């Protein structure tokens, strides 16, 4: 198990870079926890499971999620808890970490 900590950086890029440094090309992100300052996620429209609805959010959020690393690229699904006790969830396209941190717990395959 490797713990990849992200501070003052983009989440997916940092996890991918650190995994490469650790020699991880395939693995399970068994847990992701932290907080982000802004994020972009996508979901699927009910009428077309092959399409993406991508939404950018410029607001802070507590986050948790899971994912995988397959042949290098990082794939994460997460829930972002935002003001008003709301959850925004989906496939993470980007997440900026600045105020706090995020930690990905990665189990290599």
C-alpha atoms as a PDB file:
ATOM      1  CA  UNK A   1       0.000   0.000   0.000  1.00  0.00           C
ATOM      2  CA  UNK A   2       1.262   3.458  -0.915  1.00  0.00           C
ATOM      3  CA  UNK A   3      -0.123   6.740   0.407  1.00  0.00           C
ATOM      4  CA  UNK A   4       0.063   9.556  -2.139  1.00  0.00           C
ATOM      5  CA  UNK A   5      -0.454  12.977  -0.583  1.00  0.00           C
ATOM      6  CA  UNK A   6      -1.470  15.918  -2.755  1.00  0.00           C
ATOM      7  CA  UNK A   7      -0.929  19.484  -1.603  1.00  0.00           C
ATOM      8  CA  UNK A   8      -1.077  22.689  -3.675  1.00  0.00           C
ATOM      9  CA  UNK A   9      -1.519  20.804  -6.947  1.00  0.00           C
ATOM     10  CA  UNK A  10      -3.983  19.172  -9.313  1.00  0.00           C
ATOM     11  CA  UNK A  11      -5.232  15.858  -7.930  1.00  0.00           C
ATOM     12  CA  UNK A  12      -5.199  13.511 -10.943  1.00  0.00           C
ATOM     13  CA  UNK A  13      -1.910  14.793 -12.378  1.00  0.00           C
ATOM     14  CA  UNK A  14      -0.159  14.459  -9.036  1.00  0.00           C
ATOM     15  CA  UNK A  15      -1.432  10.938  -8.372  1.00  0.00           C
ATOM     16  CA  UNK A  16      -0.403   9.865 -11.901  1.00  0.00           C
ATOM     17  CA  UNK A  17       3.057  11.430 -11.560  1.00  0.00           C
ATOM     18  CA  UNK A  18       3.682   9.942  -8.121  1.00  0.00           C
ATOM     19  CA  UNK A  19       2.394   6.503  -9.180  1.00  0.00           C
ATOM     20  CA  UNK A  20       4.814   6.573 -12.117  1.00  0.00           C
ATOM     21  CA  UNK A  21       7.679   7.466  -9.756  1.00  0.00           C
ATOM     22  CA  UNK A  22       6.674   4.515  -7.560  1.00  0.00           C
ATOM     23  CA  UNK A  23       6.562   2.169 -10.557  1.00  0.00           C
ATOM     24  CA  UNK A  24       2.790   1.672 -10.331  1.00  0.00           C
ATOM     25  CA  UNK A  25       1.185   1.174 -13.749  1.00  0.00           C
ATOM     26  CA  UNK A  26      -1.871  -0.693 -12.459  1.00  0.00           C
ATOM     27  CA  UNK A  27      -3.513  -0.444  -9.064  1.00  0.00           C
ATOM     28  CA  UNK A  28      -6.599   0.166  -7.003  1.00  0.00           C
ATOM     29  CA  UNK A  29      -7.191   3.524  -5.364  1.00  0.00           C
ATOM     30  CA  UNK A  30      -8.918   1.922  -2.406  1.00  0.00           C
ATOM     31  CA  UNK A  31      -9.579   5.221  -0.657  1.00  0.00           C
ATOM     32  CA  UNK A  32      -9.364   8.915  -1.438  1.00  0.00           C
ATOM     33  CA  UNK A  33      -9.975  11.502   1.260  1.00  0.00           C
ATOM     34  CA  UNK A  34      -9.375  15.225   1.600  1.00  0.00           C
ATOM     35  CA  UNK A  35     -10.673  18.573   0.453  1.00  0.00           C
ATOM     36  CA  UNK A  36     -10.543  20.444  -2.846  1.00  0.00           C
ATOM     37  CA  UNK A  37     -10.851  24.111  -3.817  1.00  0.00           C
ATOM     38  CA  UNK A  38     -12.445  23.531  -7.237  1.00  0.00           C
ATOM     39  CA  UNK A  39     -13.376  20.467  -9.273  1.00  0.00           C
ATOM     40  CA  UNK A  40     -14.821  19.150 -12.516  1.00  0.00           C
ATOM     41  CA  UNK A  41     -16.941  15.984 -12.616  1.00  0.00           C
ATOM     42  CA  UNK A  42     -19.105  14.258 -15.162  1.00  0.00           C
ATOM     43  CA  UNK A  43     -22.211  12.117 -15.084  1.00  0.00           C
ATOM     44  CA  UNK A  44     -24.233  10.411 -17.826  1.00  0.00           C
ATOM     45  CA  UNK A  45     -27.539  11.724 -19.138  1.00  0.00           C
ATOM     46  CA  UNK A  46     -30.434   9.316 -18.544  1.00  0.00           C
ATOM     47  CA  UNK A  47     -31.052   9.098 -22.284  1.00  0.00           C
ATOM     48  CA  UNK A  48     -27.485   8.175 -23.335  1.00  0.00           C
ATOM     49  CA  UNK A  49     -25.083   6.193 -21.152  1.00  0.00           C
ATOM     50  CA  UNK A  50     -22.290   6.783 -23.690  1.00  0.00           C
ATOM     51  CA  UNK A  51     -22.338  10.590 -23.298  1.00  0.00           C
ATOM     52  CA  UNK A  52     -20.784  12.811 -20.617  1.00  0.00           C
ATOM     53  CA  UNK A  53     -22.316  15.827 -18.917  1.00  0.00           C
ATOM     54  CA  UNK A  54     -19.254  17.681 -17.648  1.00  0.00           C
ATOM     55  CA  UNK A  55     -19.716  20.310 -14.949  1.00  0.00           C
ATOM     56  CA  UNK A  56     -17.079  22.631 -13.455  1.00  0.00           C
ATOM     57  CA  UNK A  57     -17.492  23.741  -9.851  1.00  0.00           C
ATOM     58  CA  UNK A  58     -15.496  26.657  -8.480  1.00  0.00           C
ATOM     59  CA  UNK A  59     -16.231  25.966  -4.823  1.00  0.00           C
ATOM     60  CA  UNK A  60     -14.563  24.106  -1.963  1.00  0.00           C
ATOM     61  CA  UNK A  61     -15.610  20.593  -1.073  1.00  0.00           C
ATOM     62  CA  UNK A  62     -14.772  17.768   1.279  1.00  0.00           C
ATOM     63  CA  UNK A  63     -14.116  14.682  -0.821  1.00  0.00           C
ATOM     64  CA  UNK A  64     -13.949  10.924  -0.687  1.00  0.00           C
ATOM     65  CA  UNK A  65     -13.774   8.384  -3.475  1.00  0.00           C
ATOM     66  CA  UNK A  66     -12.216   5.324  -5.036  1.00  0.00           C
ATOM     67  CA  UNK A  67     -10.706   4.502  -8.369  1.00  0.00           C
ATOM     68  CA  UNK A  68      -8.061   2.737 -10.354  1.00  0.00           C
ATOM     69  CA  UNK A  69      -4.842   3.183 -12.232  1.00  0.00           C
ATOM     70  CA  UNK A  70      -4.832   1.238 -15.505  1.00  0.00           C
ATOM     71  CA  UNK A  71      -1.730   1.336 -17.707  1.00  0.00           C
ATOM     72  CA  UNK A  72      -0.840   4.669 -16.076  1.00  0.00           C
ATOM     73  CA  UNK A  73      -3.968   6.877 -16.313  1.00  0.00           C
ATOM     74  CA  UNK A  74      -5.860   7.647 -13.095  1.00  0.00           C
ATOM     75  CA  UNK A  75      -9.632   7.057 -12.998  1.00  0.00           C
ATOM     76  CA  UNK A  76     -11.523   8.270  -9.914  1.00  0.00           C
ATOM     77  CA  UNK A  77     -15.196   8.441  -8.960  1.00  0.00           C
ATOM     78  CA  UNK A  78     -15.861  10.682  -5.974  1.00  0.00           C
ATOM     79  CA  UNK A  79     -18.418  12.500  -3.912  1.00  0.00           C
ATOM     80  CA  UNK A  80     -17.793  16.181  -3.213  1.00  0.00           C
ATOM     81  CA  UNK A  81     -19.586  17.496  -0.123  1.00  0.00           C
ATOM     82  CA  UNK A  82     -20.369  21.190  -0.595  1.00  0.00           C
ATOM     83  CA  UNK A  83     -22.061  23.959   1.382  1.00  0.00           C
ATOM     84  CA  UNK A  84     -25.666  23.284   2.271  1.00  0.00           C
ATOM     85  CA  UNK A  85     -25.089  19.620   3.107  1.00  0.00           C
ATOM     86  CA  UNK A  86     -25.164  18.703  -0.580  1.00  0.00           C
ATOM     87  CA  UNK A  87     -23.191  16.020  -2.380  1.00  0.00           C
ATOM     88  CA  UNK A  88     -21.992  16.338  -5.975  1.00  0.00           C
ATOM     89  CA  UNK A  89     -20.667  13.095  -7.363  1.00  0.00           C
ATOM     90  CA  UNK A  90     -19.350  11.569 -10.541  1.00  0.00           C
ATOM     91  CA  UNK A  91     -16.267  10.835 -12.601  1.00  0.00           C
ATOM     92  CA  UNK A  92     -13.503  13.274 -11.620  1.00  0.00           C
ATOM     93  CA  UNK A  93     -11.934  15.150 -14.542  1.00  0.00           C
ATOM     94  CA  UNK A  94      -9.908  17.533 -12.385  1.00  0.00           C
ATOM     95  CA  UNK A  95      -9.651  18.772  -8.817  1.00  0.00           C
ATOM     96  CA  UNK A  96      -7.474  21.570  -7.518  1.00  0.00           C
ATOM     97  CA  UNK A  97      -5.983  21.139  -4.055  1.00  0.00           C
ATOM     98  CA  UNK A  98      -4.748  24.257  -2.262  1.00  0.00           C
ATOM     99  CA  UNK A  99      -6.251  25.084   1.101  1.00  0.00           C
ATOM    100  CA  UNK A 100      -6.129  21.554   2.513  1.00  0.00           C
ATOM    101  CA  UNK A 101      -4.821  18.252   1.141  1.00  0.00           C
ATOM    102  CA  UNK A 102      -5.929  14.959  -0.352  1.00  0.00           C
ATOM    103  CA  UNK A 103      -4.550  11.480   0.235  1.00  0.00           C
ATOM    104  CA  UNK A 104      -4.944   8.523  -2.116  1.00  0.00           C
ATOM    105  CA  UNK A 105      -4.336   5.069  -0.692  1.00  0.00           C
ATOM    106  CA  UNK A 106      -3.081   2.993  -3.618  1.00  0.00           C
ATOM    107  CA  UNK A 107      -2.724  -0.790  -3.707  1.00  0.00           C
ATOM    108  CA  UNK A 108      -0.537  -1.856  -6.647  1.00  0.00           C
ATOM    109  CA  UNK A 109      -1.657  -4.846  -8.736  1.00  0.00           C
END
